[in-house]
Amino acid sequence: MHRPVPFPQPLRQPVAPRAELAPLLTPSLAMVVTGARRRALRDGDRQIDTAHLLHSLIESDPEAGAAFEGRHELARVLGYLVQRSIGYGLRWQRSVEDSPAGRLLPAVRGAEPQGSRPSGWSPAASAAFEEAFRRAAGRGDARARAVDVLAAVAADPGSRAAEVLRRAGVDTDALVARIAGGLEAGPDALEEAPVPGV
């Protein structure tokens, strides 16, 4: 008697932020999340990780692009991100991007079956959103902005986004400080900067 051959389980579609999370995101950040989800699906990744978020932040949000030190720095970061499927990015395949924070985005907690590990967001990406919400609340904003997420992923030294930034020669501490200074100075402090083409 033959035993049935087990087939690998299909990749689950990453979980999108649910309706209760929408009021906490600016329209620009909601577009970033959509772009990161699309990128994860296209790459065949099980989870949206911080590198997906970083790529979408730079491509979708002018304010996030303006936080970098000019077009040359943005171009180097994008150069690393587009090479995700080769070189250093190969070791990310079939692995989970963890986070010391260990907290999960509320939308992910509500969408996953009890007792299972979330498959929509990496723990580090979830923790980045939790931190972005804290940053927004700390300055009295009801909604997180894309630069809040950028600051959160850059500030987590163990995130894939921070690894990409360091490899591209970005001083992550200086990036986080520029974002904080720009937000304190007002909404127009981080001027719109054109994003270089890939």
C-alpha atoms as a PDB file:
ATOM      1  CA  MET A   1       0.000   0.000   0.000  1.00  0.00           C
ATOM      2  CA  HIS A   2       1.349   3.389  -0.980  1.00  0.00           C
ATOM      3  CA  ARG A   3       1.310   6.312   1.354  1.00  0.00           C
ATOM      4  CA  PRO A   4       0.112   9.565  -0.136  1.00  0.00           C
ATOM      5  CA  VAL A   5       2.909  11.946  -1.026  1.00  0.00           C
ATOM      6  CA  PRO A   6       2.625  15.064   1.108  1.00  0.00           C
ATOM      7  CA  PHE A   7       2.458  18.249  -0.900  1.00  0.00           C
ATOM      8  CA  PRO A   8       4.000  21.420   0.480  1.00  0.00           C
ATOM      9  CA  GLN A   9       1.466  23.820   1.889  1.00  0.00           C
ATOM     10  CA  PRO A  10       0.818  26.784  -0.407  1.00  0.00           C
ATOM     11  CA  LEU A  11       2.177  30.131   0.609  1.00  0.00           C
ATOM     12  CA  ARG A  12      -0.445  32.125   2.424  1.00  0.00           C
ATOM     13  CA  GLN A  13      -1.155  35.617   1.258  1.00  0.00           C
ATOM     14  CA  PRO A  14       0.327  38.155   3.670  1.00  0.00           C
ATOM     15  CA  VAL A  15      -2.240  39.641   5.975  1.00  0.00           C
ATOM     16  CA  ALA A  16      -3.289  43.162   5.078  1.00  0.00           C
ATOM     17  CA  PRO A  17      -3.978  45.667   7.842  1.00  0.00           C
ATOM     18  CA  ARG A  18      -7.560  45.167   8.906  1.00  0.00           C
ATOM     19  CA  ALA A  19     -10.251  47.814   9.073  1.00  0.00           C
ATOM     20  CA  GLU A  20      -9.571  48.660  12.722  1.00  0.00           C
ATOM     21  CA  LEU A  21      -5.985  49.553  11.843  1.00  0.00           C
ATOM     22  CA  ALA A  22      -6.839  51.883   8.944  1.00  0.00           C
ATOM     23  CA  PRO A  23      -7.553  54.947  11.135  1.00  0.00           C
ATOM     24  CA  LEU A  24      -4.027  54.620  12.561  1.00  0.00           C
ATOM     25  CA  LEU A  25      -2.318  54.985   9.157  1.00  0.00           C
ATOM     26  CA  THR A  26      -1.939  58.054   6.970  1.00  0.00           C
ATOM     27  CA  PRO A  27      -3.000  57.480   3.337  1.00  0.00           C
ATOM     28  CA  SER A  28       0.673  57.522   2.343  1.00  0.00           C
ATOM     29  CA  LEU A  29       1.533  54.813   4.887  1.00  0.00           C
ATOM     30  CA  ALA A  30      -1.420  52.717   3.738  1.00  0.00           C
ATOM     31  CA  MET A  31       0.055  52.881   0.206  1.00  0.00           C
ATOM     32  CA  VAL A  32       3.437  51.785   1.590  1.00  0.00           C
ATOM     33  CA  VAL A  33       1.828  48.756   3.244  1.00  0.00           C
ATOM     34  CA  THR A  34       0.067  47.825  -0.006  1.00  0.00           C
ATOM     35  CA  GLY A  35       3.336  48.117  -1.919  1.00  0.00           C
ATOM     36  CA  ALA A  36       5.227  46.004   0.615  1.00  0.00           C
ATOM     37  CA  ARG A  37       2.525  43.319   0.502  1.00  0.00           C
ATOM     38  CA  ARG A  38       2.665  43.271  -3.304  1.00  0.00           C
ATOM     39  CA  ARG A  39       6.464  42.999  -3.224  1.00  0.00           C
ATOM     40  CA  ALA A  40       6.367  40.085  -0.756  1.00  0.00           C
ATOM     41  CA  LEU A  41       3.878  38.220  -2.942  1.00  0.00           C
ATOM     42  CA  ARG A  42       5.938  38.853  -6.074  1.00  0.00           C
ATOM     43  CA  ASP A  43       9.102  37.625  -4.333  1.00  0.00           C
ATOM     44  CA  GLY A  44       7.293  34.496  -3.124  1.00  0.00           C
ATOM     45  CA  ASP A  45       8.030  35.346   0.511  1.00  0.00           C
ATOM     46  CA  ARG A  46       5.869  34.038   3.308  1.00  0.00           C
ATOM     47  CA  GLN A  47       5.958  37.283   5.253  1.00  0.00           C
ATOM     48  CA  ILE A  48       6.214  41.012   4.746  1.00  0.00           C
ATOM     49  CA  ASP A  49       9.549  41.882   6.333  1.00  0.00           C
ATOM     50  CA  THR A  50      11.277  45.174   7.068  1.00  0.00           C
ATOM     51  CA  ALA A  51      13.245  45.070   3.793  1.00  0.00           C
ATOM     52  CA  HIS A  52       9.937  44.933   1.875  1.00  0.00           C
ATOM     53  CA  LEU A  53       8.767  47.890   3.940  1.00  0.00           C
ATOM     54  CA  LEU A  54      11.998  49.824   3.330  1.00  0.00           C
ATOM     55  CA  HIS A  55      11.731  49.277  -0.430  1.00  0.00           C
ATOM     56  CA  SER A  56       8.113  50.419  -0.492  1.00  0.00           C
ATOM     57  CA  LEU A  57       8.846  53.398   1.782  1.00  0.00           C
ATOM     58  CA  ILE A  58      11.525  54.709  -0.576  1.00  0.00           C
ATOM     59  CA  GLU A  59       9.449  54.109  -3.704  1.00  0.00           C
ATOM     60  CA  SER A  60       6.105  55.370  -2.393  1.00  0.00           C
ATOM     61  CA  ASP A  61       6.700  58.129   0.123  1.00  0.00           C
ATOM     62  CA  PRO A  62       8.558  61.354  -0.799  1.00  0.00           C
ATOM     63  CA  GLU A  63       8.938  62.307   2.867  1.00  0.00           C
ATOM     64  CA  ALA A  64      10.753  59.025   3.571  1.00  0.00           C
ATOM     65  CA  GLY A  65      13.025  59.619   0.577  1.00  0.00           C
ATOM     66  CA  ALA A  66      13.796  63.139   1.797  1.00  0.00           C
ATOM     67  CA  ALA A  67      15.102  61.766   5.118  1.00  0.00           C
ATOM     68  CA  PHE A  68      18.178  60.353   3.367  1.00  0.00           C
ATOM     69  CA  GLU A  69      21.329  62.341   2.621  1.00  0.00           C
ATOM     70  CA  GLY A  70      20.680  62.970  -1.030  1.00  0.00           C
ATOM     71  CA  ARG A  71      20.029  60.976  -4.177  1.00  0.00           C
ATOM     72  CA  HIS A  72      23.337  59.118  -4.041  1.00  0.00           C
ATOM     73  CA  GLU A  73      22.440  57.531  -0.692  1.00  0.00           C
ATOM     74  CA  LEU A  74      18.965  56.600  -1.920  1.00  0.00           C
ATOM     75  CA  ALA A  75      20.440  55.071  -5.068  1.00  0.00           C
ATOM     76  CA  ARG A  76      22.828  52.884  -3.035  1.00  0.00           C
ATOM     77  CA  VAL A  77      19.997  51.643  -0.796  1.00  0.00           C
ATOM     78  CA  LEU A  78      17.776  50.863  -3.789  1.00  0.00           C
ATOM     79  CA  GLY A  79      20.710  49.090  -5.437  1.00  0.00           C
ATOM     80  CA  TYR A  80      20.887  46.677  -2.518  1.00  0.00           C
ATOM     81  CA  LEU A  81      17.124  46.232  -2.299  1.00  0.00           C
ATOM     82  CA  VAL A  82      16.699  45.268  -5.958  1.00  0.00           C
ATOM     83  CA  GLN A  83      19.323  42.555  -5.452  1.00  0.00           C
ATOM     84  CA  ARG A  84      17.310  40.864  -2.713  1.00  0.00           C
ATOM     85  CA  SER A  85      17.018  37.618  -4.688  1.00  0.00           C
ATOM     86  CA  ILE A  86      20.798  37.232  -5.056  1.00  0.00           C
ATOM     87  CA  GLY A  87      23.832  37.493  -2.826  1.00  0.00           C
ATOM     88  CA  TYR A  88      23.207  38.397   0.796  1.00  0.00           C
ATOM     89  CA  GLY A  89      19.434  38.159   0.374  1.00  0.00           C
ATOM     90  CA  LEU A  90      19.561  34.420  -0.391  1.00  0.00           C
ATOM     91  CA  ARG A  91      20.093  33.571   3.263  1.00  0.00           C
ATOM     92  CA  TRP A  92      16.801  35.288   4.093  1.00  0.00           C
ATOM     93  CA  GLN A  93      14.844  32.686   2.158  1.00  0.00           C
ATOM     94  CA  ARG A  94      12.905  30.225   4.296  1.00  0.00           C
ATOM     95  CA  SER A  95      13.807  32.132   7.461  1.00  0.00           C
ATOM     96  CA  VAL A  96      11.762  34.355   9.740  1.00  0.00           C
ATOM     97  CA  GLU A  97      12.854  37.894  10.470  1.00  0.00           C
ATOM     98  CA  ASP A  98      12.503  37.944  14.223  1.00  0.00           C
ATOM     99  CA  SER A  99      12.412  40.861  16.612  1.00  0.00           C
ATOM    100  CA  PRO A 100      13.515  41.115  20.223  1.00  0.00           C
ATOM    101  CA  ALA A 101      10.321  43.052  20.930  1.00  0.00           C
ATOM    102  CA  GLY A 102       8.226  39.972  20.192  1.00  0.00           C
ATOM    103  CA  ARG A 103       4.991  41.947  19.888  1.00  0.00           C
ATOM    104  CA  LEU A 104       2.601  41.482  16.995  1.00  0.00           C
ATOM    105  CA  LEU A 105       0.668  44.027  15.027  1.00  0.00           C
ATOM    106  CA  PRO A 106      -2.948  43.917  16.270  1.00  0.00           C
ATOM    107  CA  ALA A 107      -4.234  43.235  12.750  1.00  0.00           C
ATOM    108  CA  VAL A 108      -2.000  40.184  12.554  1.00  0.00           C
ATOM    109  CA  ARG A 109      -3.014  38.916  15.981  1.00  0.00           C
ATOM    110  CA  GLY A 110      -6.681  39.072  15.010  1.00  0.00           C
ATOM    111  CA  ALA A 111      -6.221  37.414  11.626  1.00  0.00           C
ATOM    112  CA  GLU A 112      -4.221  34.370  12.670  1.00  0.00           C
ATOM    113  CA  PRO A 113      -5.593  31.120  14.078  1.00  0.00           C
ATOM    114  CA  GLN A 114      -5.026  30.657  17.795  1.00  0.00           C
ATOM    115  CA  GLY A 115      -1.701  29.002  18.576  1.00  0.00           C
ATOM    116  CA  SER A 116      -0.146  29.513  15.142  1.00  0.00           C
ATOM    117  CA  ARG A 117       2.800  31.667  14.215  1.00  0.00           C
ATOM    118  CA  PRO A 118       1.723  34.691  12.144  1.00  0.00           C
ATOM    119  CA  SER A 119       2.500  34.331   8.458  1.00  0.00           C
ATOM    120  CA  GLY A 120       1.503  37.776   7.187  1.00  0.00           C
ATOM    121  CA  TRP A 121       4.096  39.981   8.907  1.00  0.00           C
ATOM    122  CA  SER A 122       7.530  39.156  10.212  1.00  0.00           C
ATOM    123  CA  PRO A 123       7.844  39.770  13.951  1.00  0.00           C
ATOM    124  CA  ALA A 124      10.336  42.576  13.208  1.00  0.00           C
ATOM    125  CA  ALA A 125       7.917  44.277  10.789  1.00  0.00           C
ATOM    126  CA  SER A 126       5.101  43.984  13.334  1.00  0.00           C
ATOM    127  CA  ALA A 127       7.319  45.460  16.038  1.00  0.00           C
ATOM    128  CA  ALA A 128       8.247  48.316  13.667  1.00  0.00           C
ATOM    129  CA  PHE A 129       4.575  49.240  13.298  1.00  0.00           C
ATOM    130  CA  GLU A 130       4.050  49.050  17.057  1.00  0.00           C
ATOM    131  CA  GLU A 131       7.005  51.431  17.469  1.00  0.00           C
ATOM    132  CA  ALA A 132       5.673  53.714  14.720  1.00  0.00           C
ATOM    133  CA  PHE A 133       2.344  53.979  16.561  1.00  0.00           C
ATOM    134  CA  ARG A 134       4.193  54.833  19.791  1.00  0.00           C
ATOM    135  CA  ARG A 135       6.235  57.512  18.002  1.00  0.00           C
ATOM    136  CA  ALA A 136       3.080  59.073  16.551  1.00  0.00           C
ATOM    137  CA  ALA A 137       1.269  58.996  19.887  1.00  0.00           C
ATOM    138  CA  GLY A 138       4.310  60.522  21.606  1.00  0.00           C
ATOM    139  CA  ARG A 139       4.020  63.679  19.512  1.00  0.00           C
ATOM    140  CA  GLY A 140       0.221  63.738  19.781  1.00  0.00           C
ATOM    141  CA  ASP A 141      -0.599  62.410  16.298  1.00  0.00           C
ATOM    142  CA  ALA A 142      -3.539  60.062  15.894  1.00  0.00           C
ATOM    143  CA  ARG A 143      -1.995  58.346  12.861  1.00  0.00           C
ATOM    144  CA  ALA A 144       1.460  56.968  12.121  1.00  0.00           C
ATOM    145  CA  ARG A 145       3.330  58.322   9.105  1.00  0.00           C
ATOM    146  CA  ALA A 146       5.638  56.507   6.732  1.00  0.00           C
ATOM    147  CA  VAL A 147       8.679  58.186   8.290  1.00  0.00           C
ATOM    148  CA  ASP A 148       7.648  56.748  11.668  1.00  0.00           C
ATOM    149  CA  VAL A 149       7.986  53.261  10.184  1.00  0.00           C
ATOM    150  CA  LEU A 150      11.271  54.223   8.491  1.00  0.00           C
ATOM    151  CA  ALA A 151      12.677  55.419  11.820  1.00  0.00           C
ATOM    152  CA  ALA A 152      11.489  52.238  13.543  1.00  0.00           C
ATOM    153  CA  VAL A 153      13.074  49.824  11.047  1.00  0.00           C
ATOM    154  CA  ALA A 154      16.311  51.842  10.963  1.00  0.00           C
ATOM    155  CA  ALA A 155      16.499  51.896  14.773  1.00  0.00           C
ATOM    156  CA  ASP A 156      16.220  48.087  15.067  1.00  0.00           C
ATOM    157  CA  PRO A 157      19.813  46.894  14.511  1.00  0.00           C
ATOM    158  CA  GLY A 158      18.648  43.315  13.926  1.00  0.00           C
ATOM    159  CA  SER A 159      16.150  44.128  11.178  1.00  0.00           C
ATOM    160  CA  ARG A 160      16.777  43.287   7.535  1.00  0.00           C
ATOM    161  CA  ALA A 161      16.070  46.908   6.638  1.00  0.00           C
ATOM    162  CA  ALA A 162      18.818  48.109   8.993  1.00  0.00           C
ATOM    163  CA  GLU A 163      21.192  45.544   7.466  1.00  0.00           C
ATOM    164  CA  VAL A 164      20.457  46.882   3.978  1.00  0.00           C
ATOM    165  CA  LEU A 165      20.945  50.452   5.179  1.00  0.00           C
ATOM    166  CA  ARG A 166      24.293  49.634   6.794  1.00  0.00           C
ATOM    167  CA  ARG A 167      25.514  47.768   3.705  1.00  0.00           C
ATOM    168  CA  ALA A 168      24.616  50.816   1.626  1.00  0.00           C
ATOM    169  CA  GLY A 169      26.695  53.011   3.908  1.00  0.00           C
ATOM    170  CA  VAL A 170      23.794  54.746   5.668  1.00  0.00           C
ATOM    171  CA  ASP A 171      24.374  55.890   9.241  1.00  0.00           C
ATOM    172  CA  THR A 172      21.152  54.558  10.770  1.00  0.00           C
ATOM    173  CA  ASP A 173      21.498  56.633  13.958  1.00  0.00           C
ATOM    174  CA  ALA A 174      21.857  59.812  11.888  1.00  0.00           C
ATOM    175  CA  LEU A 175      18.856  58.789   9.748  1.00  0.00           C
ATOM    176  CA  VAL A 176      16.665  58.292  12.828  1.00  0.00           C
ATOM    177  CA  ALA A 177      17.857  61.637  14.243  1.00  0.00           C
ATOM    178  CA  ARG A 178      17.067  63.462  10.965  1.00  0.00           C
ATOM    179  CA  ILE A 179      13.562  61.992  10.953  1.00  0.00           C
ATOM    180  CA  ALA A 180      12.972  62.968  14.594  1.00  0.00           C
ATOM    181  CA  GLY A 181      14.281  66.488  13.967  1.00  0.00           C
ATOM    182  CA  GLY A 182      12.163  66.899  10.860  1.00  0.00           C
ATOM    183  CA  LEU A 183       8.995  65.763  12.613  1.00  0.00           C
ATOM    184  CA  GLU A 184       9.613  68.105  15.542  1.00  0.00           C
ATOM    185  CA  ALA A 185      10.134  71.014  13.140  1.00  0.00           C
ATOM    186  CA  GLY A 186       6.750  70.446  11.485  1.00  0.00           C
ATOM    187  CA  PRO A 187       5.139  68.615   8.576  1.00  0.00           C
ATOM    188  CA  ASP A 188       7.037  70.553   5.892  1.00  0.00           C
ATOM    189  CA  ALA A 189      10.501  70.138   7.421  1.00  0.00           C
ATOM    190  CA  LEU A 190      11.286  66.989   5.442  1.00  0.00           C
ATOM    191  CA  GLU A 191      11.008  68.420   1.961  1.00  0.00           C
ATOM    192  CA  GLU A 192       9.953  66.328  -0.977  1.00  0.00           C
ATOM    193  CA  ALA A 193      12.932  64.744  -2.689  1.00  0.00           C
ATOM    194  CA  PRO A 194      12.807  62.933  -6.023  1.00  0.00           C
ATOM    195  CA  VAL A 195      13.492  59.234  -5.808  1.00  0.00           C
ATOM    196  CA  PRO A 196      16.129  58.030  -8.246  1.00  0.00           C
ATOM    197  CA  GLY A 197      15.060  55.443 -10.777  1.00  0.00           C
ATOM    198  CA  VAL A 198      16.329  51.911 -10.512  1.00  0.00           C
END
